[in-house]
Amino acid sequence: MPALPPSAFSADDHPHRRRNLLTGEWVLVSPHRAKRPWQGETGEVAPVDGPAHDPACYLCPGNARTSGDVNPDYPGAYAFDNDFPALMADSPAPISDDPLFPIAPARGAARVICYSPHHSRTMPDMDLPAIRSLVDCWADESATLATRFANVAVFENKGAMMGCSSPHPHGQIWASDFVPTAVAAEDREQAAWRAAHGEPLLAQVAAREAELGTRVVEANDHWLAIVPWWAVWPFEILLIARDDVARIEHLTAPARDALAAILRAVTRRYDALFGASFPYSMGWHQCPGTSADPAAWRLHAHFNPPLLRSATVRKFMVGFEMFGESQRDLTPETAAARLRALEIAA
């Protein structure tokens, strides 16, 4: 079929593809589909308020976990070994030489981090010292685990819609002797970019995005939060360190303070968007110990929230997304503008 003349194309109205420079993958953008009626599944609105302590909660201070261990009366962020770890340091190596059914060893450690002693206070409800305590905990855990394992993955699944197993705000750390697929792809693409262009990819992305402003959601001297050009999830955010730092434990004290501030601002914008506690999966990507080019790395975090139209309607990754490539129904520029326009408390 004949192509439209260049002057007729509008990114806000016409389907197009965008390339994710961090992974090499493409995403289909179909902005006109956001106008279609919805008669599919709707979820429950996530609750906002709750008790400070739940005697039945496995993560609250002073309570016993399923392992029988009793949580101490912790005052800030608190980390402990996961009672049901996905990785174990002493797993025996599998044995197989069948090329049709390849198998590889997987060893590591899994930790849980309670964000605070408060049973119901999520990140947007925490004060800055409490979030700074969490940042320091992330950094300490990452530094310790990096001495033993090739990759340290720090992440949070927030809300029942994202499969969170406990309402007490918490995150996890999975350290592994292998580099996971997503991190390996980012390592490959960032190394290739620096070899071709002489600068770290995300350093250039941050500079251009700050200059353009159309996809910026929040910014301070040390951090930039954007809906990336290649965003897959409707209100996805990429949080990029503006300093030349590749790992979370290498952040300076001012950068950690600034991180606490922008984390609270971003998550408050999320909660304000649909007037509900906003579910998401958040994960840090940092330079692995086996990186092809550590100088190509820039520390960053991904926020992937599922909500699309309201607090009860989510984006489903099915059909074409499963069997073709990722697809989104509104442009990243529109998503950023909506988040940026919200009024939030300081």
Protein backbone atom coordinates (compact mmCIF):
# COMPACT_ATOMS: atom_id res chain seq x y z
CA MET A 1 0.00 0.00 0.00
CA PRO A 2 1.27 3.53 -0.69
CA ALA A 3 3.02 5.31 2.19
CA LEU A 4 1.67 8.53 3.63
CA PRO A 5 3.68 11.63 2.75
CA PRO A 6 6.02 12.64 5.60
CA SER A 7 3.94 15.73 6.41
CA ALA A 8 0.86 13.57 7.04
CA PHE A 9 2.43 11.45 9.80
CA SER A 10 1.60 12.26 13.42
CA ALA A 11 3.14 10.27 16.28
CA ASP A 12 0.02 11.04 18.34
CA ASP A 13 -2.34 9.58 15.74
CA HIS A 14 -0.56 6.98 13.61
CA PRO A 15 0.94 3.57 14.43
CA HIS A 16 4.74 3.42 14.41
CA ARG A 17 7.61 1.49 15.99
CA ARG A 18 10.30 2.72 18.37
CA ARG A 19 13.57 0.97 19.16
CA ASN A 20 14.70 0.35 22.73
CA LEU A 21 18.39 1.25 22.62
CA LEU A 22 19.02 -0.50 25.95
CA THR A 23 17.88 -3.91 24.70
CA GLY A 24 17.81 -3.71 20.90
CA GLU A 25 14.11 -4.63 20.86
CA TRP A 26 11.25 -2.74 19.18
CA VAL A 27 7.88 -1.60 20.54
CA LEU A 28 4.76 -0.93 18.45
CA VAL A 29 3.00 2.34 19.35
CA SER A 30 -0.71 2.48 18.44
CA PRO A 31 -1.97 5.74 19.97
CA HIS A 32 -5.42 5.65 18.32
CA ARG A 33 -6.29 2.48 20.29
CA ALA A 34 -6.53 4.41 23.57
CA LYS A 35 -9.95 5.63 22.37
CA ARG A 36 -11.49 2.16 22.08
CA PRO A 37 -14.24 1.15 24.56
CA TRP A 38 -13.28 -1.22 27.38
CA GLN A 39 -15.43 -4.19 28.39
CA GLY A 40 -12.67 -6.42 29.72
CA GLU A 41 -11.56 -7.30 33.24
CA THR A 42 -11.36 -4.63 35.91
CA GLY A 43 -9.43 -5.06 39.14
CA GLU A 44 -9.97 -3.83 42.67
CA VAL A 45 -8.82 -0.36 43.69
CA ALA A 46 -5.74 -0.77 45.88
CA PRO A 47 -6.36 0.50 49.43
CA VAL A 48 -4.52 3.62 50.60
CA ASP A 49 -4.83 3.57 54.40
CA GLY A 50 -4.08 0.77 56.82
CA PRO A 51 -2.77 -0.04 60.29
CA ALA A 52 0.73 0.81 61.48
CA HIS A 53 1.17 -2.74 62.80
CA ASP A 54 -0.54 -6.02 61.96
CA PRO A 55 -0.04 -8.83 64.48
CA ALA A 56 -0.64 -11.38 61.69
CA CYS A 57 1.95 -9.87 59.33
CA TYR A 58 5.15 -11.86 58.81
CA LEU A 59 7.14 -8.67 58.13
CA CYS A 60 6.09 -6.36 60.97
CA PRO A 61 8.57 -5.76 63.83
CA GLY A 62 8.37 -8.25 66.69
CA ASN A 63 6.35 -10.80 64.68
CA ALA A 64 7.37 -14.36 63.89
CA ARG A 65 7.90 -15.39 60.25
CA THR A 66 6.99 -18.77 58.80
CA SER A 67 10.58 -19.88 59.40
CA GLY A 68 10.09 -19.34 63.13
CA ASP A 69 12.53 -16.43 63.21
CA VAL A 70 11.27 -13.34 65.01
CA ASN A 71 11.75 -9.93 63.41
CA PRO A 72 13.60 -7.45 65.61
CA ASP A 73 12.09 -4.11 66.57
CA TYR A 74 13.71 -2.46 63.57
CA PRO A 75 13.48 1.37 63.29
CA GLY A 76 14.14 1.78 59.54
CA ALA A 77 14.78 -0.39 56.52
CA TYR A 78 15.47 -3.98 57.55
CA ALA A 79 16.96 -6.79 55.43
CA PHE A 80 16.99 -10.53 56.06
CA ASP A 81 17.43 -13.80 54.17
CA ASN A 82 14.33 -14.78 52.21
CA ASP A 83 12.56 -17.70 53.89
CA PHE A 84 11.63 -19.04 50.43
CA PRO A 85 14.68 -18.14 48.30
CA ALA A 86 14.58 -18.49 44.52
CA LEU A 87 18.37 -18.90 44.52
CA MET A 88 20.65 -20.84 46.86
CA ALA A 89 24.41 -20.58 47.22
CA ASP A 90 24.97 -24.32 47.64
CA SER A 91 22.83 -25.71 44.79
CA PRO A 92 24.55 -28.68 43.09
CA ALA A 93 25.54 -28.26 39.47
CA PRO A 94 23.23 -30.00 36.95
CA ILE A 95 24.80 -32.56 34.64
CA SER A 96 23.77 -32.80 30.99
CA ASP A 97 25.51 -32.91 27.64
CA ASP A 98 22.35 -33.08 25.53
CA PRO A 99 22.38 -30.14 23.04
CA LEU A 100 18.58 -30.33 22.66
CA PHE A 101 17.99 -29.76 26.36
CA PRO A 102 20.69 -27.36 27.61
CA ILE A 103 20.94 -26.70 31.33
CA ALA A 104 23.20 -24.48 33.41
CA PRO A 105 23.88 -24.05 37.13
CA ALA A 106 22.18 -21.21 39.03
CA ARG A 107 23.51 -20.23 42.43
CA GLY A 108 22.91 -17.14 44.48
CA ALA A 109 21.21 -15.55 47.44
CA ALA A 110 17.83 -13.95 48.04
CA ARG A 111 17.11 -11.21 50.56
CA VAL A 112 13.98 -9.32 51.65
CA ILE A 113 14.01 -5.64 52.61
CA CYS A 114 11.19 -4.23 54.73
CA TYR A 115 10.95 -0.57 53.76
CA SER A 116 10.02 0.61 57.25
CA PRO A 117 8.40 -0.72 60.44
CA HIS A 118 5.04 0.78 59.37
CA HIS A 119 2.78 -1.94 57.97
CA SER A 120 0.91 0.29 55.49
CA ARG A 121 3.25 3.16 54.61
CA THR A 122 4.40 2.81 50.99
CA MET A 123 7.17 4.91 49.48
CA PRO A 124 5.03 7.98 48.64
CA ASP A 125 3.88 8.06 52.28
CA MET A 126 7.37 7.78 53.77
CA ASP A 127 9.35 10.83 54.86
CA LEU A 128 12.72 11.58 53.27
CA PRO A 129 14.86 10.18 56.14
CA ALA A 130 12.96 6.90 55.92
CA ILE A 131 13.50 6.65 52.15
CA ARG A 132 17.17 7.58 52.63
CA SER A 133 17.41 4.68 55.11
CA LEU A 134 16.07 2.43 52.37
CA VAL A 135 18.57 3.78 49.81
CA ASP A 136 21.43 3.12 52.25
CA CYS A 137 20.11 -0.40 52.84
CA TRP A 138 20.02 -1.07 49.09
CA ALA A 139 23.60 0.18 48.80
CA ASP A 140 24.92 -1.84 51.73
CA GLU A 141 23.25 -5.03 50.55
CA SER A 142 24.47 -4.53 46.98
CA ALA A 143 28.07 -3.91 48.09
CA THR A 144 28.11 -7.02 50.29
CA LEU A 145 26.52 -9.36 47.75
CA ALA A 146 28.68 -8.07 44.87
CA THR A 147 31.74 -9.57 46.56
CA ARG A 148 30.26 -13.05 46.05
CA PHE A 149 28.03 -12.88 42.98
CA ALA A 150 28.20 -11.58 39.40
CA ASN A 151 24.86 -9.75 39.48
CA VAL A 152 22.82 -8.06 42.21
CA ALA A 153 19.16 -7.37 41.29
CA VAL A 154 17.28 -4.97 43.59
CA PHE A 155 13.54 -4.78 42.94
CA GLU A 156 10.08 -4.17 44.35
CA ASN A 157 6.69 -5.59 43.39
CA LYS A 158 4.12 -3.16 44.78
CA GLY A 159 0.46 -4.11 45.11
CA ALA A 160 -1.62 -7.25 44.74
CA MET A 161 -2.03 -6.52 41.01
CA MET A 162 1.72 -7.10 40.65
CA GLY A 163 1.65 -10.32 42.64
CA CYS A 164 2.97 -8.87 45.89
CA SER A 165 2.71 -11.59 48.54
CA SER A 166 2.48 -9.27 51.58
CA PRO A 167 0.84 -5.87 52.03
CA HIS A 168 3.73 -4.71 54.24
CA PRO A 169 5.84 -2.50 51.91
CA HIS A 170 8.98 -4.40 51.01
CA GLY A 171 11.35 -5.23 48.21
CA GLN A 172 13.76 -8.02 47.36
CA ILE A 173 17.33 -8.62 46.27
CA TRP A 174 18.30 -11.62 44.18
CA ALA A 175 22.06 -12.01 43.73
CA SER A 176 23.24 -14.59 41.21
CA ASP A 177 26.42 -16.15 39.86
CA PHE A 178 25.04 -15.55 36.36
CA VAL A 179 23.97 -12.33 34.62
CA PRO A 180 20.21 -12.44 33.87
CA THR A 181 18.98 -12.07 30.31
CA ALA A 182 17.70 -8.46 30.61
CA VAL A 183 20.92 -7.22 32.24
CA ALA A 184 23.06 -9.10 29.72
CA ALA A 185 21.17 -7.42 26.86
CA GLU A 186 21.70 -3.98 28.40
CA ASP A 187 25.38 -4.74 28.95
CA ARG A 188 25.77 -5.73 25.28
CA GLU A 189 23.89 -2.74 23.88
CA GLN A 190 25.55 -0.16 26.15
CA ALA A 191 29.03 -1.50 25.34
CA ALA A 192 28.24 -1.37 21.61
CA TRP A 193 26.93 2.19 21.92
CA ARG A 194 30.03 3.48 23.73
CA ALA A 195 32.29 1.73 21.22
CA ALA A 196 30.45 3.47 18.37
CA HIS A 197 29.79 6.88 19.95
CA GLY A 198 32.44 7.35 22.63
CA GLU A 199 30.00 8.10 25.47
CA PRO A 200 27.68 6.07 27.69
CA LEU A 201 24.26 5.61 26.09
CA LEU A 202 22.25 6.76 29.11
CA ALA A 203 24.46 9.80 29.60
CA GLN A 204 23.49 10.92 26.11
CA VAL A 205 19.84 9.95 26.63
CA ALA A 206 19.65 11.95 29.88
CA ALA A 207 21.25 15.02 28.30
CA ARG A 208 18.90 15.00 25.30
CA GLU A 209 15.78 14.26 27.36
CA ALA A 210 16.58 17.09 29.79
CA GLU A 211 17.03 19.42 26.82
CA LEU A 212 13.79 18.38 25.11
CA GLY A 213 11.65 18.11 28.26
CA THR A 214 8.71 16.40 26.54
CA ARG A 215 9.21 13.07 28.31
CA VAL A 216 10.59 14.39 31.62
CA VAL A 217 8.45 13.68 34.69
CA GLU A 218 10.79 14.74 37.52
CA ALA A 219 14.36 16.02 37.70
CA ASN A 220 16.96 17.25 40.19
CA ASP A 221 20.73 17.78 40.11
CA HIS A 222 21.51 14.07 40.39
CA TRP A 223 18.55 12.25 38.79
CA LEU A 224 16.23 12.39 35.79
CA ALA A 225 12.89 10.56 35.66
CA ILE A 226 11.44 10.15 32.16
CA VAL A 227 8.86 8.13 30.30
CA PRO A 228 11.42 6.70 27.88
CA TRP A 229 11.11 7.00 24.12
CA TRP A 230 10.77 3.21 23.95
CA ALA A 231 8.41 2.73 26.93
CA VAL A 232 6.29 -0.44 26.83
CA TRP A 233 4.06 -0.01 29.89
CA PRO A 234 1.54 2.86 29.73
CA PHE A 235 3.12 5.00 32.49
CA GLU A 236 6.56 3.42 32.55
CA ILE A 237 9.37 5.52 34.04
CA LEU A 238 13.12 5.26 33.56
CA LEU A 239 15.07 6.84 36.43
CA ILE A 240 18.61 7.71 35.31
CA ALA A 241 21.57 8.80 37.42
CA ARG A 242 22.96 12.06 36.03
CA ASP A 243 26.31 11.45 37.77
CA ASP A 244 28.89 9.11 36.27
CA VAL A 245 28.02 6.15 38.52
CA ALA A 246 27.40 2.52 37.59
CA ARG A 247 26.37 0.92 40.89
CA ILE A 248 24.08 1.96 43.71
CA GLU A 249 26.74 1.57 46.42
CA HIS A 250 28.89 4.13 44.61
CA LEU A 251 26.36 6.94 45.08
CA THR A 252 27.58 9.94 47.07
CA ALA A 253 25.67 11.24 50.09
CA PRO A 254 24.13 14.15 48.10
CA ALA A 255 23.10 11.75 45.32
CA ARG A 256 21.44 9.48 47.88
CA ASP A 257 19.52 12.40 49.36
CA ALA A 258 18.44 13.45 45.86
CA LEU A 259 17.42 9.86 45.09
CA ALA A 260 15.18 9.75 48.17
CA ALA A 261 13.53 12.99 47.04
CA ILE A 262 12.87 11.92 43.46
CA LEU A 263 11.64 8.47 44.49
CA ARG A 264 9.03 10.08 46.72
CA ALA A 265 8.04 12.59 44.01
CA VAL A 266 7.69 9.94 41.28
CA THR A 267 5.64 7.57 43.43
CA ARG A 268 3.42 10.45 44.63
CA ARG A 269 2.70 11.30 40.99
CA TYR A 270 1.76 7.68 40.42
CA ASP A 271 -0.67 7.68 43.37
CA ALA A 272 -2.16 11.00 42.22
CA LEU A 273 -2.78 9.81 38.64
CA PHE A 274 -5.82 7.67 39.47
CA GLY A 275 -6.30 8.61 43.14
CA ALA A 276 -5.22 5.20 44.43
CA SER A 277 -2.16 3.36 45.67
CA PHE A 278 -0.42 2.74 42.35
CA PRO A 279 0.91 -0.78 41.66
CA TYR A 280 4.20 -1.27 39.86
CA SER A 281 7.30 -3.39 39.55
CA MET A 282 10.49 -1.40 40.07
CA GLY A 283 13.95 -2.77 39.42
CA TRP A 284 17.49 -1.37 39.53
CA HIS A 285 19.91 -2.18 36.73
CA GLN A 286 23.55 -1.75 37.62
CA CYS A 287 26.85 -2.83 36.15
CA PRO A 288 27.38 -6.59 36.62
CA GLY A 289 30.74 -7.92 37.73
CA THR A 290 31.32 -9.56 34.35
CA SER A 291 30.50 -6.48 32.24
CA ALA A 292 32.02 -6.22 28.77
CA ASP A 293 32.59 -2.49 29.38
CA PRO A 294 31.94 -1.12 32.90
CA ALA A 295 32.56 2.44 31.67
CA ALA A 296 29.52 2.12 29.38
CA TRP A 297 27.15 1.70 32.33
CA ARG A 298 25.00 4.34 34.00
CA LEU A 299 22.96 3.32 37.07
CA HIS A 300 19.22 3.37 36.40
CA ALA A 301 15.89 2.01 37.65
CA HIS A 302 12.83 0.88 35.71
CA PHE A 303 9.28 1.46 36.97
CA ASN A 304 6.80 -0.76 35.09
CA PRO A 305 3.23 -0.09 36.28
CA PRO A 306 0.32 -2.04 34.78
CA LEU A 307 -2.48 0.54 35.02
CA LEU A 308 -3.76 1.87 31.71
CA ARG A 309 -7.05 3.80 31.98
CA SER A 310 -7.94 3.92 35.67
CA ALA A 311 -7.13 2.39 39.04
CA THR A 312 -8.98 -0.77 37.95
CA VAL A 313 -8.09 -1.23 34.25
CA ARG A 314 -4.68 -2.65 33.51
CA LYS A 315 -2.56 -3.23 30.43
CA PHE A 316 -2.41 -6.90 29.46
CA MET A 317 0.64 -8.33 27.68
CA VAL A 318 -1.15 -10.88 25.48
CA GLY A 319 -1.75 -11.73 21.83
CA PHE A 320 0.58 -9.70 19.64
CA GLU A 321 2.69 -8.75 22.67
CA MET A 322 3.27 -12.42 23.49
CA PHE A 323 3.82 -13.66 19.97
CA GLY A 324 5.09 -10.57 18.13
CA GLU A 325 6.53 -7.63 20.02
CA SER A 326 5.57 -5.20 22.77
CA GLN A 327 2.79 -2.68 21.99
CA ARG A 328 1.41 0.41 23.75
CA ASP A 329 -1.78 2.46 23.34
CA LEU A 330 -0.64 5.99 24.15
CA THR A 331 2.57 7.77 23.29
CA PRO A 332 5.28 8.21 25.92
CA GLU A 333 4.98 11.96 25.42
CA THR A 334 1.28 11.88 26.38
CA ALA A 335 1.99 9.71 29.42
CA ALA A 336 4.76 12.03 30.60
CA ALA A 337 2.59 15.11 30.14
CA ARG A 338 -0.20 13.58 32.23
CA LEU A 339 2.19 12.64 35.05
CA ARG A 340 3.97 15.99 34.90
CA ALA A 341 0.72 17.98 35.12
CA LEU A 342 -0.37 16.42 38.42
CA GLU A 343 -0.23 18.50 41.59
CA ILE A 344 1.55 16.66 44.40
CA ALA A 345 2.55 17.56 47.94
CA ALA A 346 6.19 18.47 48.47
